[in-house]
Amino acid sequence: MIGFFWFCVRRGWLRENPTATMGSVIAKHVSTDYFPADEYAKVIEATYRLAEYAERSWAPEKRGARIGALTELLRWSGLRIRDAVTLERSRLVGNKLLLYQAKTGTPAHVPQALSEPQLL
């Protein structure tokens, strides 16, 4: 915001910068955590209610199950959503998820990924 108002002063749109006396904004970092068990159970339950809106989707009878599976995959694998939706079935080896490390390109297994997730 300060930079924007300095730009306005330099362009002659303002005589003085109204933010000139402002100090730096200090943002407090609040770390995020997992959903508590009861909230996570509600999230999973909500994914299966998506069948109520079946008329708007492709393969409507499977939509709730697919979104539920995607949610579980995200939770237990730690994948980003883009990586999760493009995940190939060949990456699942037994009960492990085969991934490659970005820096080294070496394979890495996420142990027990999706084997038997617990609905805490």
PDB file of N, CA and C in Angstrom:
ATOM      1  N   MET A   1       0.821  -1.166   0.000  1.00  0.00           N
ATOM      2  CA  MET A   1       0.000   0.000   0.000  1.00  0.00           C
ATOM      3  C   MET A   1       0.886   1.258   0.000  1.00  0.00           C
ATOM      4  N   ILE A   2       1.952   1.202   0.770  1.00  0.00           N
ATOM      5  CA  ILE A   2       2.853   2.357   0.845  1.00  0.00           C
ATOM      6  C   ILE A   2       3.435   2.653  -0.528  1.00  0.00           C
ATOM      7  N   GLY A   3       3.878   1.603  -1.224  1.00  0.00           N
ATOM      8  CA  GLY A   3       4.433   1.770  -2.561  1.00  0.00           C
ATOM      9  C   GLY A   3       3.423   2.354  -3.538  1.00  0.00           C
ATOM     10  N   PHE A   4       2.187   1.919  -3.423  1.00  0.00           N
ATOM     11  CA  PHE A   4       1.148   2.441  -4.304  1.00  0.00           C
ATOM     12  C   PHE A   4       0.971   3.946  -4.102  1.00  0.00           C
ATOM     13  N   PHE A   5       0.914   4.382  -2.842  1.00  0.00           N
ATOM     14  CA  PHE A   5       0.722   5.811  -2.596  1.00  0.00           C
ATOM     15  C   PHE A   5       1.946   6.627  -3.011  1.00  0.00           C
ATOM     16  N   TRP A   6       3.161   6.082  -2.863  1.00  0.00           N
ATOM     17  CA  TRP A   6       4.342   6.789  -3.364  1.00  0.00           C
ATOM     18  C   TRP A   6       4.254   6.932  -4.881  1.00  0.00           C
ATOM     19  N   PHE A   7       3.750   5.908  -5.551  1.00  0.00           N
ATOM     20  CA  PHE A   7       3.543   5.981  -6.997  1.00  0.00           C
ATOM     21  C   PHE A   7       2.571   7.118  -7.328  1.00  0.00           C
ATOM     22  N   CYS A   8       1.480   7.222  -6.564  1.00  0.00           N
ATOM     23  CA  CYS A   8       0.496   8.282  -6.790  1.00  0.00           C
ATOM     24  C   CYS A   8       1.107   9.667  -6.604  1.00  0.00           C
ATOM     25  N   VAL A   9       1.991   9.813  -5.597  1.00  0.00           N
ATOM     26  CA  VAL A   9       2.666  11.104  -5.365  1.00  0.00           C
ATOM     27  C   VAL A   9       3.579  11.418  -6.542  1.00  0.00           C
ATOM     28  N   ARG A  10       4.374  10.443  -6.984  1.00  0.00           N
ATOM     29  CA  ARG A  10       5.296  10.658  -8.117  1.00  0.00           C
ATOM     30  C   ARG A  10       4.550  10.999  -9.402  1.00  0.00           C
ATOM     31  N   ARG A  11       3.360  10.467  -9.592  1.00  0.00           N
ATOM     32  CA  ARG A  11       2.573  10.767 -10.785  1.00  0.00           C
ATOM     33  C   ARG A  11       1.835  12.098 -10.670  1.00  0.00           C
ATOM     34  N   GLY A  12       1.862  12.707  -9.480  1.00  0.00           N
ATOM     35  CA  GLY A  12       1.202  13.982  -9.284  1.00  0.00           C
ATOM     36  C   GLY A  12      -0.279  13.859  -8.956  1.00  0.00           C
ATOM     37  N   TRP A  13      -0.744  12.659  -8.662  1.00  0.00           N
ATOM     38  CA  TRP A  13      -2.147  12.460  -8.346  1.00  0.00           C
ATOM     39  C   TRP A  13      -2.443  12.872  -6.906  1.00  0.00           C
ATOM     40  N   LEU A  14      -1.431  12.826  -6.026  1.00  0.00           N
ATOM     41  CA  LEU A  14      -1.560  13.249  -4.634  1.00  0.00           C
ATOM     42  C   LEU A  14      -0.403  14.182  -4.312  1.00  0.00           C
ATOM     43  N   ARG A  15      -0.634  15.120  -3.383  1.00  0.00           N
ATOM     44  CA  ARG A  15       0.447  16.008  -2.963  1.00  0.00           C
ATOM     45  C   ARG A  15       1.383  15.336  -1.986  1.00  0.00           C
ATOM     46  N   GLU A  16       0.821  14.566  -1.087  1.00  0.00           N
ATOM     47  CA  GLU A  16       1.654  13.873  -0.108  1.00  0.00           C
ATOM     48  C   GLU A  16       1.157  12.451   0.092  1.00  0.00           C
ATOM     49  N   ASN A  17       2.044  11.626   0.607  1.00  0.00           N
ATOM     50  CA  ASN A  17       1.744  10.216   0.813  1.00  0.00           C
ATOM     51  C   ASN A  17       1.056  10.041   2.164  1.00  0.00           C
ATOM     52  N   PRO A  18      -0.211   9.605   2.180  1.00  0.00           N
ATOM     53  CA  PRO A  18      -0.911   9.440   3.449  1.00  0.00           C
ATOM     54  C   PRO A  18      -0.360   8.291   4.289  1.00  0.00           C
ATOM     55  N   THR A  19       0.460   7.446   3.716  1.00  0.00           N
ATOM     56  CA  THR A  19       1.019   6.326   4.459  1.00  0.00           C
ATOM     57  C   THR A  19       2.450   6.583   4.915  1.00  0.00           C
ATOM     58  N   ALA A  20       2.949   7.809   4.730  1.00  0.00           N
ATOM     59  CA  ALA A  20       4.347   8.110   5.039  1.00  0.00           C
ATOM     60  C   ALA A  20       4.698   7.891   6.510  1.00  0.00           C
ATOM     61  N   THR A  21       3.746   8.064   7.400  1.00  0.00           N
ATOM     62  CA  THR A  21       4.027   7.904   8.823  1.00  0.00           C
ATOM     63  C   THR A  21       3.731   6.500   9.337  1.00  0.00           C
ATOM     64  N   MET A  22       3.278   5.637   8.456  1.00  0.00           N
ATOM     65  CA  MET A  22       2.972   4.271   8.883  1.00  0.00           C
ATOM     66  C   MET A  22       4.259   3.473   9.080  1.00  0.00           C
ATOM     67  N   GLY A  23       4.244   2.638  10.055  1.00  0.00           N
ATOM     68  CA  GLY A  23       5.367   1.730  10.268  1.00  0.00           C
ATOM     69  C   GLY A  23       5.151   0.435   9.484  1.00  0.00           C
ATOM     70  N   SER A  24       6.115  -0.434   9.579  1.00  0.00           N
ATOM     71  CA  SER A  24       5.998  -1.723   8.900  1.00  0.00           C
ATOM     72  C   SER A  24       4.922  -2.571   9.572  1.00  0.00           C
ATOM     73  N   VAL A  25       4.231  -3.310   8.758  1.00  0.00           N
ATOM     74  CA  VAL A  25       3.224  -4.229   9.274  1.00  0.00           C
ATOM     75  C   VAL A  25       3.937  -5.527   9.648  1.00  0.00           C
ATOM     76  N   ILE A  26       3.708  -5.987  10.851  1.00  0.00           N
ATOM     77  CA  ILE A  26       4.327  -7.218  11.307  1.00  0.00           C
ATOM     78  C   ILE A  26       3.231  -8.268  11.391  1.00  0.00           C
ATOM     79  N   ALA A  27       3.359  -9.284  10.567  1.00  0.00           N
ATOM     80  CA  ALA A  27       2.372 -10.354  10.550  1.00  0.00           C
ATOM     81  C   ALA A  27       2.828 -11.469  11.473  1.00  0.00           C
ATOM     82  N   LYS A  28       1.910 -11.944  12.276  1.00  0.00           N
ATOM     83  CA  LYS A  28       2.226 -13.062  13.155  1.00  0.00           C
ATOM     84  C   LYS A  28       1.988 -14.354  12.397  1.00  0.00           C
ATOM     85  N   HIS A  29       2.966 -15.232  12.423  1.00  0.00           N
ATOM     86  CA  HIS A  29       2.836 -16.523  11.754  1.00  0.00           C
ATOM     87  C   HIS A  29       2.107 -17.491  12.678  1.00  0.00           C
ATOM     88  N   VAL A  30       0.989 -17.989  12.191  1.00  0.00           N
ATOM     89  CA  VAL A  30       0.224 -18.971  12.934  1.00  0.00           C
ATOM     90  C   VAL A  30       0.283 -20.261  12.136  1.00  0.00           C
ATOM     91  N   SER A  31       0.907 -21.262  12.703  1.00  0.00           N
ATOM     92  CA  SER A  31       1.041 -22.513  11.969  1.00  0.00           C
ATOM     93  C   SER A  31      -0.303 -23.231  11.909  1.00  0.00           C
ATOM     94  N   THR A  32      -0.502 -23.914  10.803  1.00  0.00           N
ATOM     95  CA  THR A  32      -1.729 -24.672  10.639  1.00  0.00           C
ATOM     96  C   THR A  32      -1.514 -26.081  11.159  1.00  0.00           C
ATOM     97  N   ASP A  33      -2.597 -26.742  11.450  1.00  0.00           N
ATOM     98  CA  ASP A  33      -2.512 -28.086  11.986  1.00  0.00           C
ATOM     99  C   ASP A  33      -3.574 -28.927  11.299  1.00  0.00           C
ATOM    100  N   TYR A  34      -3.562 -30.204  11.570  1.00  0.00           N
ATOM    101  CA  TYR A  34      -4.565 -31.097  11.016  1.00  0.00           C
ATOM    102  C   TYR A  34      -5.928 -30.767  11.592  1.00  0.00           C
ATOM    103  N   PHE A  35      -6.954 -31.187  10.867  1.00  0.00           N
ATOM    104  CA  PHE A  35      -8.297 -31.072  11.420  1.00  0.00           C
ATOM    105  C   PHE A  35      -8.389 -31.958  12.651  1.00  0.00           C
ATOM    106  N   PRO A  36      -9.094 -31.516  13.671  1.00  0.00           N
ATOM    107  CA  PRO A  36      -9.383 -32.434  14.779  1.00  0.00           C
ATOM    108  C   PRO A  36     -10.203 -33.611  14.248  1.00  0.00           C
ATOM    109  N   ALA A  37     -10.171 -34.727  14.952  1.00  0.00           N
ATOM    110  CA  ALA A  37     -10.810 -35.957  14.482  1.00  0.00           C
ATOM    111  C   ALA A  37     -12.282 -35.765  14.139  1.00  0.00           C
ATOM    112  N   ASP A  38     -13.023 -35.045  14.972  1.00  0.00           N
ATOM    113  CA  ASP A  38     -14.452 -34.869  14.710  1.00  0.00           C
ATOM    114  C   ASP A  38     -14.695 -34.019  13.468  1.00  0.00           C
ATOM    115  N   GLU A  39     -13.870 -32.998  13.239  1.00  0.00           N
ATOM    116  CA  GLU A  39     -14.025 -32.165  12.053  1.00  0.00           C
ATOM    117  C   GLU A  39     -13.658 -32.941  10.791  1.00  0.00           C
ATOM    118  N   TYR A  40     -12.598 -33.747  10.859  1.00  0.00           N
ATOM    119  CA  TYR A  40     -12.197 -34.528   9.691  1.00  0.00           C
ATOM    120  C   TYR A  40     -13.285 -35.534   9.332  1.00  0.00           C
ATOM    121  N   ALA A  41     -13.899 -36.142  10.313  1.00  0.00           N
ATOM    122  CA  ALA A  41     -15.001 -37.075  10.055  1.00  0.00           C
ATOM    123  C   ALA A  41     -16.149 -36.357   9.344  1.00  0.00           C
ATOM    124  N   LYS A  42     -16.415 -35.111   9.719  1.00  0.00           N
ATOM    125  CA  LYS A  42     -17.463 -34.332   9.060  1.00  0.00           C
ATOM    126  C   LYS A  42     -17.104 -34.018   7.615  1.00  0.00           C
ATOM    127  N   VAL A  43     -15.816 -33.742   7.353  1.00  0.00           N
ATOM    128  CA  VAL A  43     -15.370 -33.474   5.983  1.00  0.00           C
ATOM    129  C   VAL A  43     -15.604 -34.703   5.120  1.00  0.00           C
ATOM    130  N   ILE A  44     -15.188 -35.870   5.598  1.00  0.00           N
ATOM    131  CA  ILE A  44     -15.376 -37.107   4.836  1.00  0.00           C
ATOM    132  C   ILE A  44     -16.856 -37.399   4.641  1.00  0.00           C
ATOM    133  N   GLU A  45     -17.649 -37.212   5.680  1.00  0.00           N
ATOM    134  CA  GLU A  45     -19.093 -37.436   5.574  1.00  0.00           C
ATOM    135  C   GLU A  45     -19.703 -36.522   4.514  1.00  0.00           C
ATOM    136  N   ALA A  46     -19.252 -35.286   4.455  1.00  0.00           N
ATOM    137  CA  ALA A  46     -19.779 -34.321   3.492  1.00  0.00           C
ATOM    138  C   ALA A  46     -19.462 -34.723   2.054  1.00  0.00           C
ATOM    139  N   THR A  47     -18.331 -35.375   1.827  1.00  0.00           N
ATOM    140  CA  THR A  47     -17.993 -35.763   0.456  1.00  0.00           C
ATOM    141  C   THR A  47     -18.998 -36.773  -0.085  1.00  0.00           C
ATOM    142  N   TYR A  48     -19.525 -37.622   0.761  1.00  0.00           N
ATOM    143  CA  TYR A  48     -20.483 -38.622   0.305  1.00  0.00           C
ATOM    144  C   TYR A  48     -21.883 -38.056   0.103  1.00  0.00           C
ATOM    145  N   ARG A  49     -22.136 -36.867   0.612  1.00  0.00           N
ATOM    146  CA  ARG A  49     -23.421 -36.213   0.371  1.00  0.00           C
ATOM    147  C   ARG A  49     -23.466 -35.547  -0.996  1.00  0.00           C
ATOM    148  N   LEU A  50     -22.344 -35.544  -1.711  1.00  0.00           N
ATOM    149  CA  LEU A  50     -22.316 -34.911  -3.024  1.00  0.00           C
ATOM    150  C   LEU A  50     -23.218 -35.610  -4.032  1.00  0.00           C
ATOM    151  N   ALA A  51     -23.598 -36.834  -3.769  1.00  0.00           N
ATOM    152  CA  ALA A  51     -24.505 -37.551  -4.661  1.00  0.00           C
ATOM    153  C   ALA A  51     -25.865 -36.850  -4.746  1.00  0.00           C
ATOM    154  N   GLU A  52     -26.176 -35.999  -3.787  1.00  0.00           N
ATOM    155  CA  GLU A  52     -27.436 -35.261  -3.805  1.00  0.00           C
ATOM    156  C   GLU A  52     -27.513 -34.325  -5.002  1.00  0.00           C
ATOM    157  N   TYR A  53     -26.354 -33.942  -5.550  1.00  0.00           N
ATOM    158  CA  TYR A  53     -26.302 -33.017  -6.682  1.00  0.00           C
ATOM    159  C   TYR A  53     -25.898 -33.769  -7.944  1.00  0.00           C
ATOM    160  N   ALA A  54     -26.375 -34.972  -8.083  1.00  0.00           N
ATOM    161  CA  ALA A  54     -25.941 -35.883  -9.139  1.00  0.00           C
ATOM    162  C   ALA A  54     -26.252 -35.387 -10.541  1.00  0.00           C
ATOM    163  N   GLU A  55     -27.302 -34.635 -10.714  1.00  0.00           N
ATOM    164  CA  GLU A  55     -27.687 -34.236 -12.064  1.00  0.00           C
ATOM    165  C   GLU A  55     -26.652 -33.342 -12.742  1.00  0.00           C
ATOM    166  N   ARG A  56     -25.728 -32.777 -11.988  1.00  0.00           N
ATOM    167  CA  ARG A  56     -24.755 -31.863 -12.557  1.00  0.00           C
ATOM    168  C   ARG A  56     -23.387 -32.480 -12.812  1.00  0.00           C
ATOM    169  N   SER A  57     -23.239 -33.772 -12.708  1.00  0.00           N
ATOM    170  CA  SER A  57     -21.887 -34.309 -12.795  1.00  0.00           C
ATOM    171  C   SER A  57     -21.781 -35.491 -13.741  1.00  0.00           C
ATOM    172  N   TRP A  58     -20.563 -35.758 -14.141  1.00  0.00           N
ATOM    173  CA  TRP A  58     -20.249 -36.931 -14.931  1.00  0.00           C
ATOM    174  C   TRP A  58     -20.106 -38.102 -13.969  1.00  0.00           C
ATOM    175  N   ALA A  59     -20.626 -39.248 -14.309  1.00  0.00           N
ATOM    176  CA  ALA A  59     -20.627 -40.428 -13.447  1.00  0.00           C
ATOM    177  C   ALA A  59     -21.134 -40.072 -12.052  1.00  0.00           C
ATOM    178  N   PRO A  60     -22.371 -39.537 -11.970  1.00  0.00           N
ATOM    179  CA  PRO A  60     -22.867 -39.018 -10.689  1.00  0.00           C
ATOM    180  C   PRO A  60     -22.912 -40.046  -9.572  1.00  0.00           C
ATOM    181  N   GLU A  61     -23.106 -41.309  -9.910  1.00  0.00           N
ATOM    182  CA  GLU A  61     -23.198 -42.320  -8.865  1.00  0.00           C
ATOM    183  C   GLU A  61     -21.868 -42.544  -8.162  1.00  0.00           C
ATOM    184  N   LYS A  62     -20.770 -42.083  -8.752  1.00  0.00           N
ATOM    185  CA  LYS A  62     -19.449 -42.286  -8.162  1.00  0.00           C
ATOM    186  C   LYS A  62     -18.836 -41.011  -7.600  1.00  0.00           C
ATOM    187  N   ARG A  63     -19.495 -39.881  -7.795  1.00  0.00           N
ATOM    188  CA  ARG A  63     -18.871 -38.617  -7.440  1.00  0.00           C
ATOM    189  C   ARG A  63     -18.509 -38.520  -5.960  1.00  0.00           C
ATOM    190  N   GLY A  64     -19.416 -38.854  -5.070  1.00  0.00           N
ATOM    191  CA  GLY A  64     -19.120 -38.777  -3.645  1.00  0.00           C
ATOM    192  C   GLY A  64     -17.957 -39.669  -3.266  1.00  0.00           C
ATOM    193  N   ALA A  65     -17.937 -40.870  -3.811  1.00  0.00           N
ATOM    194  CA  ALA A  65     -16.846 -41.805  -3.512  1.00  0.00           C
ATOM    195  C   ALA A  65     -15.521 -41.281  -4.056  1.00  0.00           C
ATOM    196  N   ARG A  66     -15.559 -40.671  -5.228  1.00  0.00           N
ATOM    197  CA  ARG A  66     -14.318 -40.147  -5.819  1.00  0.00           C
ATOM    198  C   ARG A  66     -13.763 -38.974  -5.017  1.00  0.00           C
ATOM    199  N   ILE A  67     -14.627 -38.065  -4.623  1.00  0.00           N
ATOM    200  CA  ILE A  67     -14.166 -36.918  -3.833  1.00  0.00           C
ATOM    201  C   ILE A  67     -13.685 -37.386  -2.466  1.00  0.00           C
ATOM    202  N   GLY A  68     -14.372 -38.355  -1.887  1.00  0.00           N
ATOM    203  CA  GLY A  68     -13.929 -38.922  -0.608  1.00  0.00           C
ATOM    204  C   GLY A  68     -12.557 -39.561  -0.740  1.00  0.00           C
ATOM    205  N   ALA A  69     -12.355 -40.318  -1.825  1.00  0.00           N
ATOM    206  CA  ALA A  69     -11.053 -40.952  -2.052  1.00  0.00           C
ATOM    207  C   ALA A  69      -9.966 -39.906  -2.270  1.00  0.00           C
ATOM    208  N   LEU A  70     -10.283 -38.843  -3.009  1.00  0.00           N
ATOM    209  CA  LEU A  70      -9.308 -37.773  -3.222  1.00  0.00           C
ATOM    210  C   LEU A  70      -8.944 -37.107  -1.900  1.00  0.00           C
ATOM    211  N   THR A  71      -9.932 -36.873  -1.065  1.00  0.00           N
ATOM    212  CA  THR A  71      -9.682 -36.256   0.245  1.00  0.00           C
ATOM    213  C   THR A  71      -8.785 -37.139   1.100  1.00  0.00           C
ATOM    214  N   GLU A  72      -9.051 -38.436   1.096  1.00  0.00           N
ATOM    215  CA  GLU A  72      -8.208 -39.373   1.855  1.00  0.00           C
ATOM    216  C   GLU A  72      -6.790 -39.412   1.282  1.00  0.00           C
ATOM    217  N   LEU A  73      -6.673 -39.402  -0.038  1.00  0.00           N
ATOM    218  CA  LEU A  73      -5.355 -39.402  -0.670  1.00  0.00           C
ATOM    219  C   LEU A  73      -4.559 -38.171  -0.256  1.00  0.00           C
ATOM    220  N   LEU A  74      -5.188 -37.010  -0.285  1.00  0.00           N
ATOM    221  CA  LEU A  74      -4.510 -35.780   0.116  1.00  0.00           C
ATOM    222  C   LEU A  74      -4.068 -35.857   1.573  1.00  0.00           C
ATOM    223  N   ARG A  75      -4.930 -36.373   2.414  1.00  0.00           N
ATOM    224  CA  ARG A  75      -4.614 -36.433   3.847  1.00  0.00           C
ATOM    225  C   ARG A  75      -3.462 -37.373   4.146  1.00  0.00           C
ATOM    226  N   TRP A  76      -3.505 -38.571   3.590  1.00  0.00           N
ATOM    227  CA  TRP A  76      -2.546 -39.597   3.983  1.00  0.00           C
ATOM    228  C   TRP A  76      -1.274 -39.600   3.157  1.00  0.00           C
ATOM    229  N   SER A  77      -1.263 -38.950   1.998  1.00  0.00           N
ATOM    230  CA  SER A  77      -0.055 -38.950   1.175  1.00  0.00           C
ATOM    231  C   SER A  77       0.730 -37.653   1.294  1.00  0.00           C
ATOM    232  N   GLY A  78       0.059 -36.556   1.609  1.00  0.00           N
ATOM    233  CA  GLY A  78       0.733 -35.261   1.664  1.00  0.00           C
ATOM    234  C   GLY A  78       0.932 -34.647   0.292  1.00  0.00           C
ATOM    235  N   LEU A  79       0.299 -35.215  -0.737  1.00  0.00           N
ATOM    236  CA  LEU A  79       0.435 -34.668  -2.081  1.00  0.00           C
ATOM    237  C   LEU A  79      -0.303 -33.338  -2.202  1.00  0.00           C
ATOM    238  N   ARG A  80       0.159 -32.522  -3.138  1.00  0.00           N
ATOM    239  CA  ARG A  80      -0.592 -31.322  -3.501  1.00  0.00           C
ATOM    240  C   ARG A  80      -1.769 -31.756  -4.352  1.00  0.00           C
ATOM    241  N   ILE A  81      -2.793 -30.937  -4.421  1.00  0.00           N
ATOM    242  CA  ILE A  81      -4.010 -31.340  -5.109  1.00  0.00           C
ATOM    243  C   ILE A  81      -3.747 -31.620  -6.583  1.00  0.00           C
ATOM    244  N   ARG A  82      -2.921 -30.829  -7.247  1.00  0.00           N
ATOM    245  CA  ARG A  82      -2.626 -31.068  -8.660  1.00  0.00           C
ATOM    246  C   ARG A  82      -1.965 -32.427  -8.853  1.00  0.00           C
ATOM    247  N   ASP A  83      -1.032 -32.758  -7.973  1.00  0.00           N
ATOM    248  CA  ASP A  83      -0.360 -34.045  -8.067  1.00  0.00           C
ATOM    249  C   ASP A  83      -1.319 -35.193  -7.758  1.00  0.00           C
ATOM    250  N   ALA A  84      -2.243 -34.958  -6.850  1.00  0.00           N
ATOM    251  CA  ALA A  84      -3.180 -36.012  -6.469  1.00  0.00           C
ATOM    252  C   ALA A  84      -4.162 -36.318  -7.592  1.00  0.00           C
ATOM    253  N   VAL A  85      -4.677 -35.296  -8.273  1.00  0.00           N
ATOM    254  CA  VAL A  85      -5.665 -35.547  -9.328  1.00  0.00           C
ATOM    255  C   VAL A  85      -5.032 -36.115 -10.582  1.00  0.00           C
ATOM    256  N   THR A  86      -3.726 -35.969 -10.742  1.00  0.00           N
ATOM    257  CA  THR A  86      -3.042 -36.524 -11.913  1.00  0.00           C
ATOM    258  C   THR A  86      -2.255 -37.787 -11.576  1.00  0.00           C
ATOM    259  N   LEU A  87      -2.448 -38.310 -10.379  1.00  0.00           N
ATOM    260  CA  LEU A  87      -1.720 -39.497  -9.939  1.00  0.00           C
ATOM    261  C   LEU A  87      -2.112 -40.708 -10.787  1.00  0.00           C
ATOM    262  N   GLU A  88      -1.105 -41.440 -11.256  1.00  0.00           N
ATOM    263  CA  GLU A  88      -1.359 -42.645 -12.049  1.00  0.00           C
ATOM    264  C   GLU A  88      -1.493 -43.847 -11.125  1.00  0.00           C
ATOM    265  N   ARG A  89      -2.329 -44.793 -11.515  1.00  0.00           N
ATOM    266  CA  ARG A  89      -2.513 -45.999 -10.701  1.00  0.00           C
ATOM    267  C   ARG A  89      -1.216 -46.775 -10.562  1.00  0.00           C
ATOM    268  N   SER A  90      -0.343 -46.676 -11.552  1.00  0.00           N
ATOM    269  CA  SER A  90       0.922 -47.418 -11.503  1.00  0.00           C
ATOM    270  C   SER A  90       1.818 -46.947 -10.361  1.00  0.00           C
ATOM    271  N   ARG A  91       1.517 -45.783  -9.784  1.00  0.00           N
ATOM    272  CA  ARG A  91       2.298 -45.271  -8.657  1.00  0.00           C
ATOM    273  C   ARG A  91       1.970 -45.989  -7.348  1.00  0.00           C
ATOM    274  N   LEU A  92       0.844 -46.688  -7.296  1.00  0.00           N
ATOM    275  CA  LEU A  92       0.490 -47.450  -6.112  1.00  0.00           C
ATOM    276  C   LEU A  92       1.108 -48.833  -6.234  1.00  0.00           C
ATOM    277  N   VAL A  93       2.049 -49.127  -5.356  1.00  0.00           N
ATOM    278  CA  VAL A  93       2.742 -50.409  -5.358  1.00  0.00           C
ATOM    279  C   VAL A  93       2.424 -51.084  -4.025  1.00  0.00           C
ATOM    280  N   GLY A  94       1.548 -52.070  -4.062  1.00  0.00           N
ATOM    281  CA  GLY A  94       1.107 -52.685  -2.811  1.00  0.00           C
ATOM    282  C   GLY A  94       0.353 -51.664  -1.992  1.00  0.00           C
ATOM    283  N   ASN A  95       0.838 -51.445  -0.782  1.00  0.00           N
ATOM    284  CA  ASN A  95       0.200 -50.423   0.050  1.00  0.00           C
ATOM    285  C   ASN A  95       1.081 -49.193   0.189  1.00  0.00           C
ATOM    286  N   LYS A  96       1.962 -48.985  -0.805  1.00  0.00           N
ATOM    287  CA  LYS A  96       2.858 -47.833  -0.778  1.00  0.00           C
ATOM    288  C   LYS A  96       2.668 -46.998  -2.032  1.00  0.00           C
ATOM    289  N   LEU A  97       2.911 -45.724  -1.880  1.00  0.00           N
ATOM    290  CA  LEU A  97       2.800 -44.784  -2.981  1.00  0.00           C
ATOM    291  C   LEU A  97       4.198 -44.441  -3.453  1.00  0.00           C
ATOM    292  N   LEU A  98       4.497 -44.692  -4.729  1.00  0.00           N
ATOM    293  CA  LEU A  98       5.818 -44.436  -5.292  1.00  0.00           C
ATOM    294  C   LEU A  98       5.869 -43.018  -5.833  1.00  0.00           C
ATOM    295  N   LEU A  99       6.780 -42.233  -5.305  1.00  0.00           N
ATOM    296  CA  LEU A  99       6.987 -40.855  -5.749  1.00  0.00           C
ATOM    297  C   LEU A  99       8.450 -40.667  -6.108  1.00  0.00           C
ATOM    298  N   TYR A 100       8.757 -39.595  -6.783  1.00  0.00           N
ATOM    299  CA  TYR A 100      10.141 -39.267  -7.105  1.00  0.00           C
ATOM    300  C   TYR A 100      10.493 -37.948  -6.447  1.00  0.00           C
ATOM    301  N   GLN A 101      11.685 -37.880  -5.865  1.00  0.00           N
ATOM    302  CA  GLN A 101      12.127 -36.654  -5.221  1.00  0.00           C
ATOM    303  C   GLN A 101      12.496 -35.637  -6.297  1.00  0.00           C
ATOM    304  N   ALA A 102      12.032 -34.414  -6.125  1.00  0.00           N
ATOM    305  CA  ALA A 102      12.213 -33.388  -7.142  1.00  0.00           C
ATOM    306  C   ALA A 102      13.680 -33.051  -7.376  1.00  0.00           C
ATOM    307  N   LYS A 103      14.454 -32.912  -6.328  1.00  0.00           N
ATOM    308  CA  LYS A 103      15.849 -32.490  -6.486  1.00  0.00           C
ATOM    309  C   LYS A 103      16.735 -33.575  -7.062  1.00  0.00           C
ATOM    310  N   THR A 104      16.591 -34.794  -6.578  1.00  0.00           N
ATOM    311  CA  THR A 104      17.502 -35.856  -6.994  1.00  0.00           C
ATOM    312  C   THR A 104      16.917 -36.780  -8.043  1.00  0.00           C
ATOM    313  N   GLY A 105      15.603 -36.811  -8.176  1.00  0.00           N
ATOM    314  CA  GLY A 105      14.967 -37.695  -9.131  1.00  0.00           C
ATOM    315  C   GLY A 105      14.954 -39.151  -8.694  1.00  0.00           C
ATOM    316  N   THR A 106      15.353 -39.407  -7.457  1.00  0.00           N
ATOM    317  CA  THR A 106      15.362 -40.779  -6.962  1.00  0.00           C
ATOM    318  C   THR A 106      13.977 -41.169  -6.456  1.00  0.00           C
ATOM    319  N   PRO A 107      13.629 -42.450  -6.598  1.00  0.00           N
ATOM    320  CA  PRO A 107      12.308 -42.875  -6.135  1.00  0.00           C
ATOM    321  C   PRO A 107      12.207 -42.862  -4.618  1.00  0.00           C
ATOM    322  N   ALA A 108      11.035 -42.552  -4.139  1.00  0.00           N
ATOM    323  CA  ALA A 108      10.769 -42.554  -2.694  1.00  0.00           C
ATOM    324  C   ALA A 108       9.389 -43.141  -2.481  1.00  0.00           C
ATOM    325  N   HIS A 109       9.242 -43.992  -1.495  1.00  0.00           N
ATOM    326  CA  HIS A 109       7.945 -44.584  -1.176  1.00  0.00           C
ATOM    327  C   HIS A 109       7.351 -43.894   0.041  1.00  0.00           C
ATOM    328  N   VAL A 110       6.079 -43.577  -0.066  1.00  0.00           N
ATOM    329  CA  VAL A 110       5.347 -43.091   1.095  1.00  0.00           C
ATOM    330  C   VAL A 110       4.807 -44.347   1.754  1.00  0.00           C
ATOM    331  N   PRO A 111       5.359 -44.745   2.901  1.00  0.00           N
ATOM    332  CA  PRO A 111       4.955 -46.020   3.494  1.00  0.00           C
ATOM    333  C   PRO A 111       3.506 -46.030   3.935  1.00  0.00           C
ATOM    334  N   GLN A 112       2.876 -47.128   3.689  1.00  0.00           N
ATOM    335  CA  GLN A 112       1.499 -47.384   4.081  1.00  0.00           C
ATOM    336  C   GLN A 112       0.533 -46.322   3.603  1.00  0.00           C
ATOM    337  N   ALA A 113       0.853 -45.680   2.499  1.00  0.00           N
ATOM    338  CA  ALA A 113      -0.079 -44.685   1.966  1.00  0.00           C
ATOM    339  C   ALA A 113      -1.356 -45.391   1.535  1.00  0.00           C
ATOM    340  N   LEU A 114      -2.442 -44.944   2.022  1.00  0.00           N
ATOM    341  CA  LEU A 114      -3.759 -45.428   1.661  1.00  0.00           C
ATOM    342  C   LEU A 114      -4.030 -46.872   2.054  1.00  0.00           C
ATOM    343  N   SER A 115      -3.168 -47.490   2.861  1.00  0.00           N
ATOM    344  CA  SER A 115      -3.399 -48.886   3.198  1.00  0.00           C
ATOM    345  C   SER A 115      -4.677 -49.047   4.011  1.00  0.00           C
ATOM    346  N   GLU A 116      -4.727 -48.449   5.169  1.00  0.00           N
ATOM    347  CA  GLU A 116      -5.936 -48.469   5.976  1.00  0.00           C
ATOM    348  C   GLU A 116      -6.009 -47.169   6.759  1.00  0.00           C
ATOM    349  N   PRO A 117      -6.463 -46.100   6.095  1.00  0.00           N
ATOM    350  CA  PRO A 117      -6.528 -44.824   6.796  1.00  0.00           C
ATOM    351  C   PRO A 117      -7.517 -44.886   7.946  1.00  0.00           C
ATOM    352  N   GLN A 118      -7.145 -44.251   8.999  1.00  0.00           N
ATOM    353  CA  GLN A 118      -7.984 -44.210  10.189  1.00  0.00           C
ATOM    354  C   GLN A 118      -8.799 -42.920  10.171  1.00  0.00           C
ATOM    355  N   LEU A 119     -10.082 -43.010  10.356  1.00  0.00           N
ATOM    356  CA  LEU A 119     -10.898 -41.817  10.525  1.00  0.00           C
ATOM    357  C   LEU A 119     -10.839 -41.444  11.989  1.00  0.00           C
ATOM    358  N   LEU A 120      -9.813 -40.749  12.347  1.00  0.00           N
ATOM    359  CA  LEU A 120      -9.558 -40.429  13.752  1.00  0.00           C
ATOM    360  C   LEU A 120     -10.768 -39.939  14.488  1.00  0.00           C
TER     361      LEU A 120
END
